[in-house]
Amino acid sequence: MTHTHALSTSSESSFLHIAAIKTNSKTLLRLMGLGLVTGKDIEVLRNRKGDIVLGNGNSRISLGRSIAEKIMVHEASQ
């Protein structure tokens, strides 16, 4: 069984699979517009005290910690 955890707790250079997004519909629509949807594979480029920077294909996305806490992920199969 795959261990699911919040994106905010992920380490840098992790390749992850988005398992669920637990937020309101307004925020969910904004995340969808950025290409962050359930089933998507992402890479954590930076996770420090403030924001979290993700690699999504050729794009770089910066998320605040409060939103990253609502995105549930697990290790991506490579």
N, C-alpha and C. Protein backbone atom coordinates (compact mmCIF):
# COMPACT_ATOMS: atom_id res chain seq x y z
N MET A 1 0.84 -1.19 0.00
CA MET A 1 0.00 0.00 0.00
C MET A 1 0.88 1.25 0.00
N THR A 2 0.46 2.26 -0.72
CA THR A 2 1.23 3.48 -0.87
C THR A 2 0.93 4.46 0.27
N HIS A 3 1.98 5.02 0.83
CA HIS A 3 1.84 6.00 1.92
C HIS A 3 1.52 7.38 1.32
N THR A 4 0.39 7.93 1.69
CA THR A 4 -0.02 9.26 1.22
C THR A 4 0.26 10.29 2.31
N HIS A 5 0.81 11.44 1.90
CA HIS A 5 1.12 12.51 2.84
C HIS A 5 0.91 13.86 2.17
N ALA A 6 0.94 14.92 2.97
CA ALA A 6 0.76 16.27 2.43
C ALA A 6 1.99 16.70 1.64
N LEU A 7 1.78 17.40 0.55
CA LEU A 7 2.87 17.92 -0.27
C LEU A 7 3.83 18.77 0.55
N SER A 8 3.31 19.50 1.52
CA SER A 8 4.15 20.39 2.34
C SER A 8 5.22 19.65 3.13
N THR A 9 5.06 18.34 3.34
CA THR A 9 6.04 17.57 4.11
C THR A 9 7.04 16.83 3.22
N SER A 10 6.95 17.02 1.92
CA SER A 10 7.81 16.30 0.97
C SER A 10 9.20 16.91 0.90
N SER A 11 10.18 16.06 0.65
CA SER A 11 11.55 16.55 0.57
C SER A 11 11.89 17.00 -0.86
N GLU A 12 12.90 17.84 -0.95
CA GLU A 12 13.34 18.34 -2.25
C GLU A 12 13.83 17.19 -3.12
N SER A 13 13.68 17.32 -4.41
CA SER A 13 14.06 16.33 -5.41
C SER A 13 13.19 15.08 -5.40
N SER A 14 12.02 15.15 -4.74
CA SER A 14 11.08 14.03 -4.73
C SER A 14 10.23 14.05 -5.99
N PHE A 15 10.00 12.88 -6.56
CA PHE A 15 9.06 12.73 -7.66
C PHE A 15 7.78 12.15 -7.08
N LEU A 16 6.68 12.89 -7.22
CA LEU A 16 5.44 12.56 -6.54
C LEU A 16 4.26 12.45 -7.49
N HIS A 17 3.23 11.76 -7.02
CA HIS A 17 1.98 11.60 -7.75
C HIS A 17 0.89 12.24 -6.90
N ILE A 18 0.10 13.13 -7.49
CA ILE A 18 -0.98 13.77 -6.74
C ILE A 18 -2.13 12.79 -6.57
N ALA A 19 -2.41 12.42 -5.31
CA ALA A 19 -3.46 11.44 -5.01
C ALA A 19 -4.81 12.12 -4.77
N ALA A 20 -4.81 13.30 -4.14
CA ALA A 20 -6.05 14.00 -3.84
C ALA A 20 -5.75 15.47 -3.54
N ILE A 21 -6.74 16.31 -3.78
CA ILE A 21 -6.64 17.72 -3.43
C ILE A 21 -7.85 18.04 -2.57
N LYS A 22 -7.59 18.41 -1.31
CA LYS A 22 -8.64 18.62 -0.33
C LYS A 22 -8.78 20.10 -0.03
N THR A 23 -9.47 20.81 -0.92
CA THR A 23 -9.64 22.25 -0.75
C THR A 23 -10.99 22.68 -1.31
N ASN A 24 -11.30 23.94 -1.17
CA ASN A 24 -12.57 24.45 -1.70
C ASN A 24 -12.52 24.54 -3.22
N SER A 25 -13.68 24.69 -3.83
CA SER A 25 -13.76 24.65 -5.29
C SER A 25 -13.03 25.81 -5.96
N LYS A 26 -13.00 26.98 -5.34
CA LYS A 26 -12.30 28.13 -5.92
C LYS A 26 -10.80 27.85 -6.02
N THR A 27 -10.21 27.35 -4.95
CA THR A 27 -8.78 27.02 -4.96
C THR A 27 -8.51 25.86 -5.89
N LEU A 28 -9.40 24.87 -5.91
CA LEU A 28 -9.24 23.72 -6.80
C LEU A 28 -9.20 24.16 -8.26
N LEU A 29 -10.06 25.09 -8.63
CA LEU A 29 -10.08 25.60 -10.01
C LEU A 29 -8.77 26.32 -10.35
N ARG A 30 -8.22 27.07 -9.39
CA ARG A 30 -6.94 27.75 -9.63
C ARG A 30 -5.82 26.74 -9.81
N LEU A 31 -5.81 25.69 -8.98
CA LEU A 31 -4.79 24.66 -9.11
C LEU A 31 -4.92 23.92 -10.43
N MET A 32 -6.14 23.66 -10.85
CA MET A 32 -6.37 23.01 -12.14
C MET A 32 -5.83 23.87 -13.27
N GLY A 33 -6.00 25.17 -13.17
CA GLY A 33 -5.49 26.10 -14.17
C GLY A 33 -3.97 26.08 -14.26
N LEU A 34 -3.31 25.70 -13.15
CA LEU A 34 -1.85 25.58 -13.13
C LEU A 34 -1.39 24.19 -13.57
N GLY A 35 -2.35 23.31 -13.84
CA GLY A 35 -2.02 21.95 -14.26
C GLY A 35 -1.84 20.98 -13.12
N LEU A 36 -2.20 21.39 -11.90
CA LEU A 36 -2.09 20.52 -10.74
C LEU A 36 -3.44 19.85 -10.49
N VAL A 37 -3.54 18.61 -10.94
CA VAL A 37 -4.79 17.85 -10.83
C VAL A 37 -4.48 16.47 -10.27
N THR A 38 -5.49 15.82 -9.74
CA THR A 38 -5.35 14.45 -9.26
C THR A 38 -4.86 13.57 -10.40
N GLY A 39 -3.86 12.76 -10.12
CA GLY A 39 -3.29 11.88 -11.13
C GLY A 39 -2.04 12.40 -11.80
N LYS A 40 -1.69 13.65 -11.55
CA LYS A 40 -0.52 14.28 -12.18
C LYS A 40 0.76 13.94 -11.41
N ASP A 41 1.86 13.72 -12.12
CA ASP A 41 3.17 13.52 -11.51
C ASP A 41 3.91 14.85 -11.48
N ILE A 42 4.54 15.16 -10.35
CA ILE A 42 5.26 16.42 -10.16
C ILE A 42 6.60 16.15 -9.49
N GLU A 43 7.47 17.15 -9.50
CA GLU A 43 8.75 17.07 -8.81
C GLU A 43 8.86 18.25 -7.84
N VAL A 44 9.32 18.00 -6.63
CA VAL A 44 9.55 19.06 -5.66
C VAL A 44 10.96 19.60 -5.90
N LEU A 45 11.05 20.84 -6.35
CA LEU A 45 12.35 21.46 -6.62
C LEU A 45 12.90 22.18 -5.40
N ARG A 46 12.00 22.77 -4.61
CA ARG A 46 12.43 23.47 -3.39
C ARG A 46 11.32 23.38 -2.35
N ASN A 47 11.70 23.08 -1.13
CA ASN A 47 10.74 23.07 -0.02
C ASN A 47 11.48 23.59 1.20
N ARG A 48 11.31 24.87 1.42
CA ARG A 48 11.97 25.50 2.56
C ARG A 48 10.90 26.04 3.49
N LYS A 49 11.23 26.95 4.35
CA LYS A 49 10.27 27.44 5.34
C LYS A 49 9.06 28.15 4.73
N GLY A 50 9.22 28.77 3.59
CA GLY A 50 8.13 29.52 2.99
C GLY A 50 7.40 28.73 1.92
N ASP A 51 7.65 29.10 0.69
CA ASP A 51 6.94 28.49 -0.44
C ASP A 51 7.54 27.15 -0.84
N ILE A 52 6.81 26.46 -1.68
CA ILE A 52 7.25 25.20 -2.25
C ILE A 52 7.26 25.38 -3.77
N VAL A 53 8.37 25.05 -4.41
CA VAL A 53 8.48 25.19 -5.86
C VAL A 53 8.43 23.80 -6.47
N LEU A 54 7.51 23.65 -7.44
CA LEU A 54 7.29 22.37 -8.10
C LEU A 54 7.70 22.45 -9.56
N GLY A 55 8.14 21.34 -10.08
CA GLY A 55 8.35 21.19 -11.51
C GLY A 55 7.17 20.42 -12.07
N ASN A 56 6.53 21.00 -13.06
CA ASN A 56 5.36 20.38 -13.69
C ASN A 56 5.63 20.41 -15.19
N GLY A 57 6.30 19.37 -15.70
CA GLY A 57 6.73 19.41 -17.09
C GLY A 57 7.80 20.46 -17.25
N ASN A 58 7.61 21.40 -18.18
CA ASN A 58 8.57 22.49 -18.38
C ASN A 58 8.25 23.71 -17.54
N SER A 59 7.19 23.64 -16.74
CA SER A 59 6.76 24.78 -15.93
C SER A 59 7.30 24.68 -14.51
N ARG A 60 7.44 25.82 -13.87
CA ARG A 60 7.79 25.90 -12.46
C ARG A 60 6.63 26.59 -11.76
N ILE A 61 6.18 26.01 -10.65
CA ILE A 61 5.03 26.54 -9.92
C ILE A 61 5.43 26.74 -8.47
N SER A 62 5.13 27.91 -7.93
CA SER A 62 5.39 28.19 -6.53
C SER A 62 4.06 28.21 -5.78
N LEU A 63 3.99 27.43 -4.70
CA LEU A 63 2.78 27.36 -3.88
C LEU A 63 3.10 27.76 -2.45
N GLY A 64 2.14 28.40 -1.82
CA GLY A 64 2.27 28.70 -0.40
C GLY A 64 2.09 27.43 0.42
N ARG A 65 2.63 27.42 1.60
CA ARG A 65 2.58 26.24 2.47
C ARG A 65 1.14 25.85 2.80
N SER A 66 0.25 26.80 3.01
CA SER A 66 -1.13 26.45 3.39
C SER A 66 -1.85 25.68 2.28
N ILE A 67 -1.57 26.01 1.04
CA ILE A 67 -2.18 25.27 -0.08
C ILE A 67 -1.50 23.91 -0.22
N ALA A 68 -0.19 23.85 -0.06
CA ALA A 68 0.55 22.60 -0.19
C ALA A 68 0.11 21.57 0.86
N GLU A 69 -0.38 22.05 2.00
CA GLU A 69 -0.88 21.13 3.03
C GLU A 69 -2.16 20.43 2.61
N LYS A 70 -2.86 20.96 1.64
CA LYS A 70 -4.13 20.40 1.19
C LYS A 70 -3.98 19.45 -0.01
N ILE A 71 -2.75 19.34 -0.53
CA ILE A 71 -2.49 18.46 -1.67
C ILE A 71 -1.85 17.18 -1.15
N MET A 72 -2.54 16.07 -1.31
CA MET A 72 -2.06 14.78 -0.82
C MET A 72 -1.32 14.05 -1.95
N VAL A 73 -0.12 13.56 -1.64
CA VAL A 73 0.74 12.94 -2.65
C VAL A 73 1.31 11.63 -2.15
N HIS A 74 1.86 10.86 -3.06
CA HIS A 74 2.67 9.69 -2.71
C HIS A 74 3.78 9.57 -3.74
N GLU A 75 4.77 8.75 -3.44
CA GLU A 75 5.91 8.58 -4.35
C GLU A 75 5.43 8.10 -5.71
N ALA A 76 5.95 8.71 -6.76
CA ALA A 76 5.57 8.33 -8.14
C ALA A 76 6.34 7.10 -8.54
N SER A 77 5.70 6.20 -9.29
CA SER A 77 6.42 5.05 -9.83
C SER A 77 7.22 5.52 -11.03
N GLN A 78 8.48 5.15 -11.06
CA GLN A 78 9.33 5.64 -12.14
C GLN A 78 9.70 4.57 -13.10
